[in-house]
């Protein structure tokens, strides 16, 4: 994954954050099924609140 993609590890799970301008695309990668599951598209200012609600 490129520079704009970061892995976020939480207490229950981990997922990836893709930076697109001021938006963050939160997704989970399921390699066994070759699937990228988009969990949400969040404005960067709301990202911390979104993460706490997960």
PDB file of N, CA and C in Angstrom:
ATOM      1  N   UNK A   1       0.847  -1.177   0.000  1.00  0.00           N
ATOM      2  CA  UNK A   1       0.000   0.000   0.000  1.00  0.00           C
ATOM      3  C   UNK A   1       0.893   1.241   0.000  1.00  0.00           C
ATOM      4  N   UNK A   2       0.406   2.321  -0.577  1.00  0.00           N
ATOM      5  CA  UNK A   2       1.185   3.534  -0.758  1.00  0.00           C
ATOM      6  C   UNK A   2       1.296   4.399   0.486  1.00  0.00           C
ATOM      7  N   UNK A   3       1.915   5.554   0.319  1.00  0.00           N
ATOM      8  CA  UNK A   3       2.134   6.464   1.442  1.00  0.00           C
ATOM      9  C   UNK A   3       0.845   6.993   2.042  1.00  0.00           C
ATOM     10  N   UNK A   4      -0.195   7.170   1.224  1.00  0.00           N
ATOM     11  CA  UNK A   4      -1.425   7.757   1.732  1.00  0.00           C
ATOM     12  C   UNK A   4      -2.320   6.743   2.443  1.00  0.00           C
ATOM     13  N   UNK A   5      -1.895   5.483   2.512  1.00  0.00           N
ATOM     14  CA  UNK A   5      -2.661   4.447   3.209  1.00  0.00           C
ATOM     15  C   UNK A   5      -1.939   4.093   4.498  1.00  0.00           C
ATOM     16  N   UNK A   6      -2.673   4.124   5.601  1.00  0.00           N
ATOM     17  CA  UNK A   6      -2.110   3.763   6.904  1.00  0.00           C
ATOM     18  C   UNK A   6      -2.992   2.710   7.552  1.00  0.00           C
ATOM     19  N   UNK A   7      -2.372   1.828   8.309  1.00  0.00           N
ATOM     20  CA  UNK A   7      -3.120   0.826   9.063  1.00  0.00           C
ATOM     21  C   UNK A   7      -3.383   1.374  10.455  1.00  0.00           C
ATOM     22  N   UNK A   8      -4.636   1.281  10.885  1.00  0.00           N
ATOM     23  CA  UNK A   8      -5.032   1.718  12.220  1.00  0.00           C
ATOM     24  C   UNK A   8      -5.393   0.469  12.999  1.00  0.00           C
ATOM     25  N   UNK A   9      -4.729   0.265  14.116  1.00  0.00           N
ATOM     26  CA  UNK A   9      -4.984  -0.908  14.943  1.00  0.00           C
ATOM     27  C   UNK A   9      -5.734  -0.480  16.196  1.00  0.00           C
ATOM     28  N   UNK A  10      -6.871  -1.104  16.407  1.00  0.00           N
ATOM     29  CA  UNK A  10      -7.681  -0.828  17.583  1.00  0.00           C
ATOM     30  C   UNK A  10      -7.647  -1.996  18.538  1.00  0.00           C
ATOM     31  N   UNK A  11      -8.462  -1.914  19.563  1.00  0.00           N
ATOM     32  CA  UNK A  11      -8.497  -2.991  20.538  1.00  0.00           C
ATOM     33  C   UNK A  11      -9.210  -4.221  19.973  1.00  0.00           C
ATOM     34  N   UNK A  12     -10.212  -4.017  19.110  1.00  0.00           N
ATOM     35  CA  UNK A  12     -10.985  -5.139  18.596  1.00  0.00           C
ATOM     36  C   UNK A  12     -10.576  -5.559  17.189  1.00  0.00           C
ATOM     37  N   UNK A  13     -10.127  -4.595  16.379  1.00  0.00           N
ATOM     38  CA  UNK A  13      -9.824  -4.923  14.990  1.00  0.00           C
ATOM     39  C   UNK A  13      -8.816  -3.933  14.421  1.00  0.00           C
ATOM     40  N   UNK A  14      -8.458  -4.153  13.180  1.00  0.00           N
ATOM     41  CA  UNK A  14      -7.595  -3.199  12.494  1.00  0.00           C
ATOM     42  C   UNK A  14      -8.184  -2.929  11.112  1.00  0.00           C
ATOM     43  N   UNK A  15      -7.944  -1.743  10.617  1.00  0.00           N
ATOM     44  CA  UNK A  15      -8.428  -1.384   9.298  1.00  0.00           C
ATOM     45  C   UNK A  15      -7.484  -0.365   8.699  1.00  0.00           C
ATOM     46  N   UNK A  16      -7.763   0.051   7.490  1.00  0.00           N
ATOM     47  CA  UNK A  16      -6.871   0.945   6.765  1.00  0.00           C
ATOM     48  C   UNK A  16      -7.537   2.288   6.523  1.00  0.00           C
ATOM     49  N   UNK A  17      -6.699   3.309   6.496  1.00  0.00           N
ATOM     50  CA  UNK A  17      -7.168   4.663   6.226  1.00  0.00           C
ATOM     51  C   UNK A  17      -6.480   5.150   4.957  1.00  0.00           C
ATOM     52  N   UNK A  18      -7.267   5.547   3.963  1.00  0.00           N
ATOM     53  CA  UNK A  18      -6.751   6.091   2.718  1.00  0.00           C
ATOM     54  C   UNK A  18      -7.048   7.579   2.696  1.00  0.00           C
ATOM     55  N   UNK A  19      -6.016   8.395   2.527  1.00  0.00           N
ATOM     56  CA  UNK A  19      -6.176   9.843   2.515  1.00  0.00           C
ATOM     57  C   UNK A  19      -6.483  10.320   1.098  1.00  0.00           C
ATOM     58  N   UNK A  20      -7.597  11.040   0.943  1.00  0.00           N
ATOM     59  CA  UNK A  20      -7.994  11.611  -0.346  1.00  0.00           C
ATOM     60  C   UNK A  20      -8.386  13.060  -0.079  1.00  0.00           C
ATOM     61  N   UNK A  21      -7.438  13.981  -0.217  1.00  0.00           N
ATOM     62  CA  UNK A  21      -7.708  15.383   0.107  1.00  0.00           C
ATOM     63  C   UNK A  21      -8.047  15.525   1.579  1.00  0.00           C
ATOM     64  N   UNK A  22      -9.187  16.166   1.859  1.00  0.00           N
ATOM     65  CA  UNK A  22      -9.634  16.332   3.246  1.00  0.00           C
ATOM     66  C   UNK A  22     -10.477  15.158   3.733  1.00  0.00           C
ATOM     67  N   UNK A  23     -10.687  14.177   2.875  1.00  0.00           N
ATOM     68  CA  UNK A  23     -11.491  13.016   3.249  1.00  0.00           C
ATOM     69  C   UNK A  23     -10.595  11.840   3.595  1.00  0.00           C
ATOM     70  N   UNK A  24     -11.115  10.955   4.444  1.00  0.00           N
ATOM     71  CA  UNK A  24     -10.439   9.725   4.781  1.00  0.00           C
ATOM     72  C   UNK A  24     -11.377   8.574   4.466  1.00  0.00           C
ATOM     73  N   UNK A  25     -10.900   7.638   3.654  1.00  0.00           N
ATOM     74  CA  UNK A  25     -11.684   6.452   3.321  1.00  0.00           C
ATOM     75  C   UNK A  25     -11.225   5.347   4.261  1.00  0.00           C
ATOM     76  N   UNK A  26     -12.113   4.905   5.125  1.00  0.00           N
ATOM     77  CA  UNK A  26     -11.797   3.877   6.094  1.00  0.00           C
ATOM     78  C   UNK A  26     -12.248   2.541   5.507  1.00  0.00           C
ATOM     79  N   UNK A  27     -11.319   1.576   5.424  1.00  0.00           N
ATOM     80  CA  UNK A  27     -11.661   0.313   4.779  1.00  0.00           C
ATOM     81  C   UNK A  27     -10.972  -0.854   5.464  1.00  0.00           C
ATOM     82  N   UNK A  28     -11.487  -2.025   5.184  1.00  0.00           N
ATOM     83  CA  UNK A  28     -10.935  -3.280   5.678  1.00  0.00           C
ATOM     84  C   UNK A  28     -10.582  -4.116   4.455  1.00  0.00           C
ATOM     85  N   UNK A  29      -9.438  -4.769   4.481  1.00  0.00           N
ATOM     86  CA  UNK A  29      -9.005  -5.611   3.364  1.00  0.00           C
ATOM     87  C   UNK A  29      -9.170  -7.069   3.775  1.00  0.00           C
ATOM     88  N   UNK A  30      -9.869  -7.835   2.943  1.00  0.00           N
ATOM     89  CA  UNK A  30     -10.087  -9.254   3.192  1.00  0.00           C
ATOM     90  C   UNK A  30      -9.378 -10.011   2.070  1.00  0.00           C
ATOM     91  N   UNK A  31      -8.101 -10.367   2.279  1.00  0.00           N
ATOM     92  CA  UNK A  31      -7.321 -10.959   1.190  1.00  0.00           C
ATOM     93  C   UNK A  31      -7.826 -12.324   0.726  1.00  0.00           C
ATOM     94  N   UNK A  32      -8.432 -13.116   1.620  1.00  0.00           N
ATOM     95  CA  UNK A  32      -8.910 -14.441   1.221  1.00  0.00           C
ATOM     96  C   UNK A  32      -9.972 -14.342   0.137  1.00  0.00           C
ATOM     97  N   UNK A  33     -10.785 -13.301   0.200  1.00  0.00           N
ATOM     98  CA  UNK A  33     -11.877 -13.117  -0.755  1.00  0.00           C
ATOM     99  C   UNK A  33     -11.545 -12.072  -1.817  1.00  0.00           C
ATOM    100  N   UNK A  34     -10.347 -11.476  -1.744  1.00  0.00           N
ATOM    101  CA  UNK A  34      -9.936 -10.389  -2.632  1.00  0.00           C
ATOM    102  C   UNK A  34     -10.986  -9.278  -2.611  1.00  0.00           C
ATOM    103  N   UNK A  35     -11.261  -8.780  -1.398  1.00  0.00           N
ATOM    104  CA  UNK A  35     -12.306  -7.784  -1.199  1.00  0.00           C
ATOM    105  C   UNK A  35     -11.752  -6.613  -0.402  1.00  0.00           C
ATOM    106  N   UNK A  36     -12.149  -5.404  -0.791  1.00  0.00           N
ATOM    107  CA  UNK A  36     -11.902  -4.209   0.019  1.00  0.00           C
ATOM    108  C   UNK A  36     -13.267  -3.708   0.455  1.00  0.00           C
ATOM    109  N   UNK A  37     -13.502  -3.715   1.750  1.00  0.00           N
ATOM    110  CA  UNK A  37     -14.780  -3.321   2.320  1.00  0.00           C
ATOM    111  C   UNK A  37     -14.663  -1.896   2.834  1.00  0.00           C
ATOM    112  N   UNK A  38     -15.397  -0.969   2.238  1.00  0.00           N
ATOM    113  CA  UNK A  38     -15.364   0.432   2.671  1.00  0.00           C
ATOM    114  C   UNK A  38     -16.267   0.567   3.892  1.00  0.00           C
ATOM    115  N   UNK A  39     -15.675   0.995   5.009  1.00  0.00           N
ATOM    116  CA  UNK A  39     -16.413   1.137   6.259  1.00  0.00           C
ATOM    117  C   UNK A  39     -17.012   2.530   6.408  1.00  0.00           C
ATOM    118  N   UNK A  40     -16.373   3.515   5.797  1.00  0.00           N
ATOM    119  CA  UNK A  40     -16.890   4.874   5.869  1.00  0.00           C
ATOM    120  C   UNK A  40     -16.006   5.845   5.129  1.00  0.00           C
ATOM    121  N   UNK A  41     -16.592   6.962   4.732  1.00  0.00           N
ATOM    122  CA  UNK A  41     -15.854   8.064   4.134  1.00  0.00           C
ATOM    123  C   UNK A  41     -16.083   9.246   5.059  1.00  0.00           C
ATOM    124  N   UNK A  42     -15.001   9.734   5.689  1.00  0.00           N
ATOM    125  CA  UNK A  42     -15.106  10.670   6.793  1.00  0.00           C
ATOM    126  C   UNK A  42     -14.250  11.900   6.520  1.00  0.00           C
ATOM    127  N   UNK A  43     -14.779  13.083   6.821  1.00  0.00           N
ATOM    128  CA  UNK A  43     -13.980  14.300   6.755  1.00  0.00           C
ATOM    129  C   UNK A  43     -12.888  14.216   7.818  1.00  0.00           C
ATOM    130  N   UNK A  44     -11.717  14.726   7.516  1.00  0.00           N
ATOM    131  CA  UNK A  44     -10.579  14.578   8.433  1.00  0.00           C
ATOM    132  C   UNK A  44     -10.862  15.182   9.807  1.00  0.00           C
ATOM    133  N   UNK A  45     -11.691  16.235   9.854  1.00  0.00           N
ATOM    134  CA  UNK A  45     -12.009  16.870  11.139  1.00  0.00           C
ATOM    135  C   UNK A  45     -12.884  15.985  12.011  1.00  0.00           C
ATOM    136  N   UNK A  46     -13.608  15.054  11.406  1.00  0.00           N
ATOM    137  CA  UNK A  46     -14.509  14.170  12.147  1.00  0.00           C
ATOM    138  C   UNK A  46     -13.930  12.782  12.382  1.00  0.00           C
ATOM    139  N   UNK A  47     -12.694  12.560  11.945  1.00  0.00           N
ATOM    140  CA  UNK A  47     -12.114  11.218  12.006  1.00  0.00           C
ATOM    141  C   UNK A  47     -11.991  10.691  13.431  1.00  0.00           C
ATOM    142  N   UNK A  48     -11.522  11.504  14.346  1.00  0.00           N
ATOM    143  CA  UNK A  48     -11.350  11.036  15.726  1.00  0.00           C
ATOM    144  C   UNK A  48     -12.680  10.627  16.342  1.00  0.00           C
ATOM    145  N   UNK A  49     -13.719  11.395  16.104  1.00  0.00           N
ATOM    146  CA  UNK A  49     -15.049  11.060  16.619  1.00  0.00           C
ATOM    147  C   UNK A  49     -15.541   9.757  15.981  1.00  0.00           C
ATOM    148  N   UNK A  50     -15.291   9.592  14.677  1.00  0.00           N
ATOM    149  CA  UNK A  50     -15.693   8.364  13.981  1.00  0.00           C
ATOM    150  C   UNK A  50     -14.987   7.156  14.565  1.00  0.00           C
ATOM    151  N   UNK A  51     -13.685   7.303  14.829  1.00  0.00           N
ATOM    152  CA  UNK A  51     -12.908   6.190  15.398  1.00  0.00           C
ATOM    153  C   UNK A  51     -13.414   5.809  16.787  1.00  0.00           C
ATOM    154  N   UNK A  52     -13.761   6.795  17.601  1.00  0.00           N
ATOM    155  CA  UNK A  52     -14.268   6.493  18.949  1.00  0.00           C
ATOM    156  C   UNK A  52     -15.614   5.777  18.896  1.00  0.00           C
ATOM    157  N   UNK A  53     -16.414   6.051  17.860  1.00  0.00           N
ATOM    158  CA  UNK A  53     -17.738   5.428  17.778  1.00  0.00           C
ATOM    159  C   UNK A  53     -17.674   3.987  17.278  1.00  0.00           C
ATOM    160  N   UNK A  54     -16.526   3.515  16.823  1.00  0.00           N
ATOM    161  CA  UNK A  54     -16.374   2.158  16.301  1.00  0.00           C
ATOM    162  C   UNK A  54     -16.225   1.181  17.425  1.00  0.00           C
TER     163      UNK A  54
END
